[in-house]
């Protein structure tokens, strides 16, 4: 088969909930190297996750900052202090 986007196809199978065994059997039936292609697909998934983390973290930090601002604005200082504790934990990860 030797399709250039085969790892992307395998990634799609993973996201659909197919098992590693089923995917490797499918790859073998297509004449591909199952371990190599599966490894490429799972590496791509981990890489995509790692790239997204800074954006997710920044979004969470900004949301918490806004929550803190609104809580102080309405005078809920107890909740605002809890947000600061959580914000500090997130910032130090």
Protein backbone atom coordinates (compact mmCIF):
# COMPACT_ATOMS: atom_id res chain seq x y z
CA UNK A 1 0.00 0.00 0.00
CA UNK A 2 2.66 2.51 1.11
CA UNK A 3 0.30 5.45 1.48
CA UNK A 4 2.12 8.64 2.61
CA UNK A 5 -0.62 9.55 5.11
CA UNK A 6 -0.92 6.04 6.53
CA UNK A 7 0.01 7.21 10.07
CA UNK A 8 -2.84 9.73 9.84
CA UNK A 9 -5.21 6.93 8.85
CA UNK A 10 -4.02 4.89 11.83
CA UNK A 11 -4.47 7.93 14.05
CA UNK A 12 -8.05 8.14 12.84
CA UNK A 13 -8.55 4.47 13.72
CA UNK A 14 -7.20 5.17 17.22
CA UNK A 15 -9.53 8.11 17.72
CA UNK A 16 -12.44 5.94 16.60
CA UNK A 17 -11.62 3.55 19.44
CA UNK A 18 -10.01 0.68 17.53
CA UNK A 19 -7.58 -1.45 19.51
CA UNK A 20 -3.87 -1.66 18.85
CA UNK A 21 -4.28 -5.31 17.90
CA UNK A 22 -7.01 -4.57 15.35
CA UNK A 23 -5.01 -1.76 13.81
CA UNK A 24 -1.86 -3.85 13.54
CA UNK A 25 -3.83 -6.71 11.96
CA UNK A 26 -5.24 -4.26 9.40
CA UNK A 27 -1.75 -2.92 8.67
CA UNK A 28 -0.38 -6.43 8.24
CA UNK A 29 -3.21 -7.27 5.83
CA UNK A 30 -2.28 -4.17 3.81
CA UNK A 31 1.35 -5.31 3.61
CA UNK A 32 2.69 -2.61 5.91
CA UNK A 33 5.07 -2.83 8.86
CA UNK A 34 2.55 -2.64 11.72
CA UNK A 35 4.94 -1.76 14.54
CA UNK A 36 6.63 1.04 12.60
CA UNK A 37 3.42 2.64 11.32
CA UNK A 38 1.67 2.32 14.68
CA UNK A 39 4.67 3.93 16.39
CA UNK A 40 4.61 6.83 13.90
CA UNK A 41 0.90 7.40 14.55
CA UNK A 42 1.18 7.32 18.34
CA UNK A 43 4.24 9.59 18.23
CA UNK A 44 2.25 12.07 16.13
CA UNK A 45 -0.54 11.96 18.71
CA UNK A 46 1.86 12.64 21.60
CA UNK A 47 3.54 15.46 19.68
CA UNK A 48 0.19 17.10 18.92
CA UNK A 49 -0.75 16.87 22.59
CA UNK A 50 2.53 18.44 23.70
CA UNK A 51 2.16 21.32 21.24
CA UNK A 52 -1.37 22.01 22.46
CA UNK A 53 -0.49 22.09 26.15
CA UNK A 54 1.04 25.58 26.27
CA UNK A 55 -2.07 26.98 24.56
CA UNK A 56 -4.42 25.13 26.90
CA UNK A 57 -2.43 26.26 29.90
CA UNK A 58 -2.43 29.87 28.75
CA UNK A 59 -6.20 29.71 28.23
CA UNK A 60 -6.68 28.34 31.75
CA UNK A 61 -4.40 30.97 33.25
CA UNK A 62 -6.28 33.76 31.49
CA UNK A 63 -9.65 32.32 32.55
CA UNK A 64 -8.54 32.10 36.16
CA UNK A 65 -7.22 35.65 36.05
CA UNK A 66 -10.59 36.85 34.79
CA UNK A 67 -12.42 34.82 37.44
CA UNK A 68 -10.22 36.36 40.14
CA UNK A 69 -10.90 39.86 38.82
CA UNK A 70 -14.67 39.32 38.84
CA UNK A 71 -14.68 37.78 42.31
CA UNK A 72 -12.76 40.74 43.73
CA UNK A 73 -15.12 43.07 41.88
CA UNK A 74 -18.17 41.54 43.61
CA UNK A 75 -16.40 41.28 46.96
CA UNK A 76 -16.13 37.48 47.23
CA UNK A 77 -12.63 37.52 48.68
CA UNK A 78 -12.76 33.97 50.02
CA UNK A 79 -13.41 32.56 46.54
CA UNK A 80 -10.85 34.95 45.04
CA UNK A 81 -8.18 33.65 47.41
CA UNK A 82 -9.00 30.06 46.39
CA UNK A 83 -8.58 31.06 42.75
CA UNK A 84 -5.17 32.49 43.61
CA UNK A 85 -4.13 29.21 45.22
CA UNK A 86 -5.24 27.26 42.13
CA UNK A 87 -3.64 29.82 39.83
CA UNK A 88 -0.37 29.50 41.71
CA UNK A 89 -0.49 25.69 41.39
CA UNK A 90 -1.12 25.91 37.65
CA UNK A 91 1.58 28.52 37.13
CA UNK A 92 4.17 26.33 38.89
CA UNK A 93 3.48 23.16 36.86
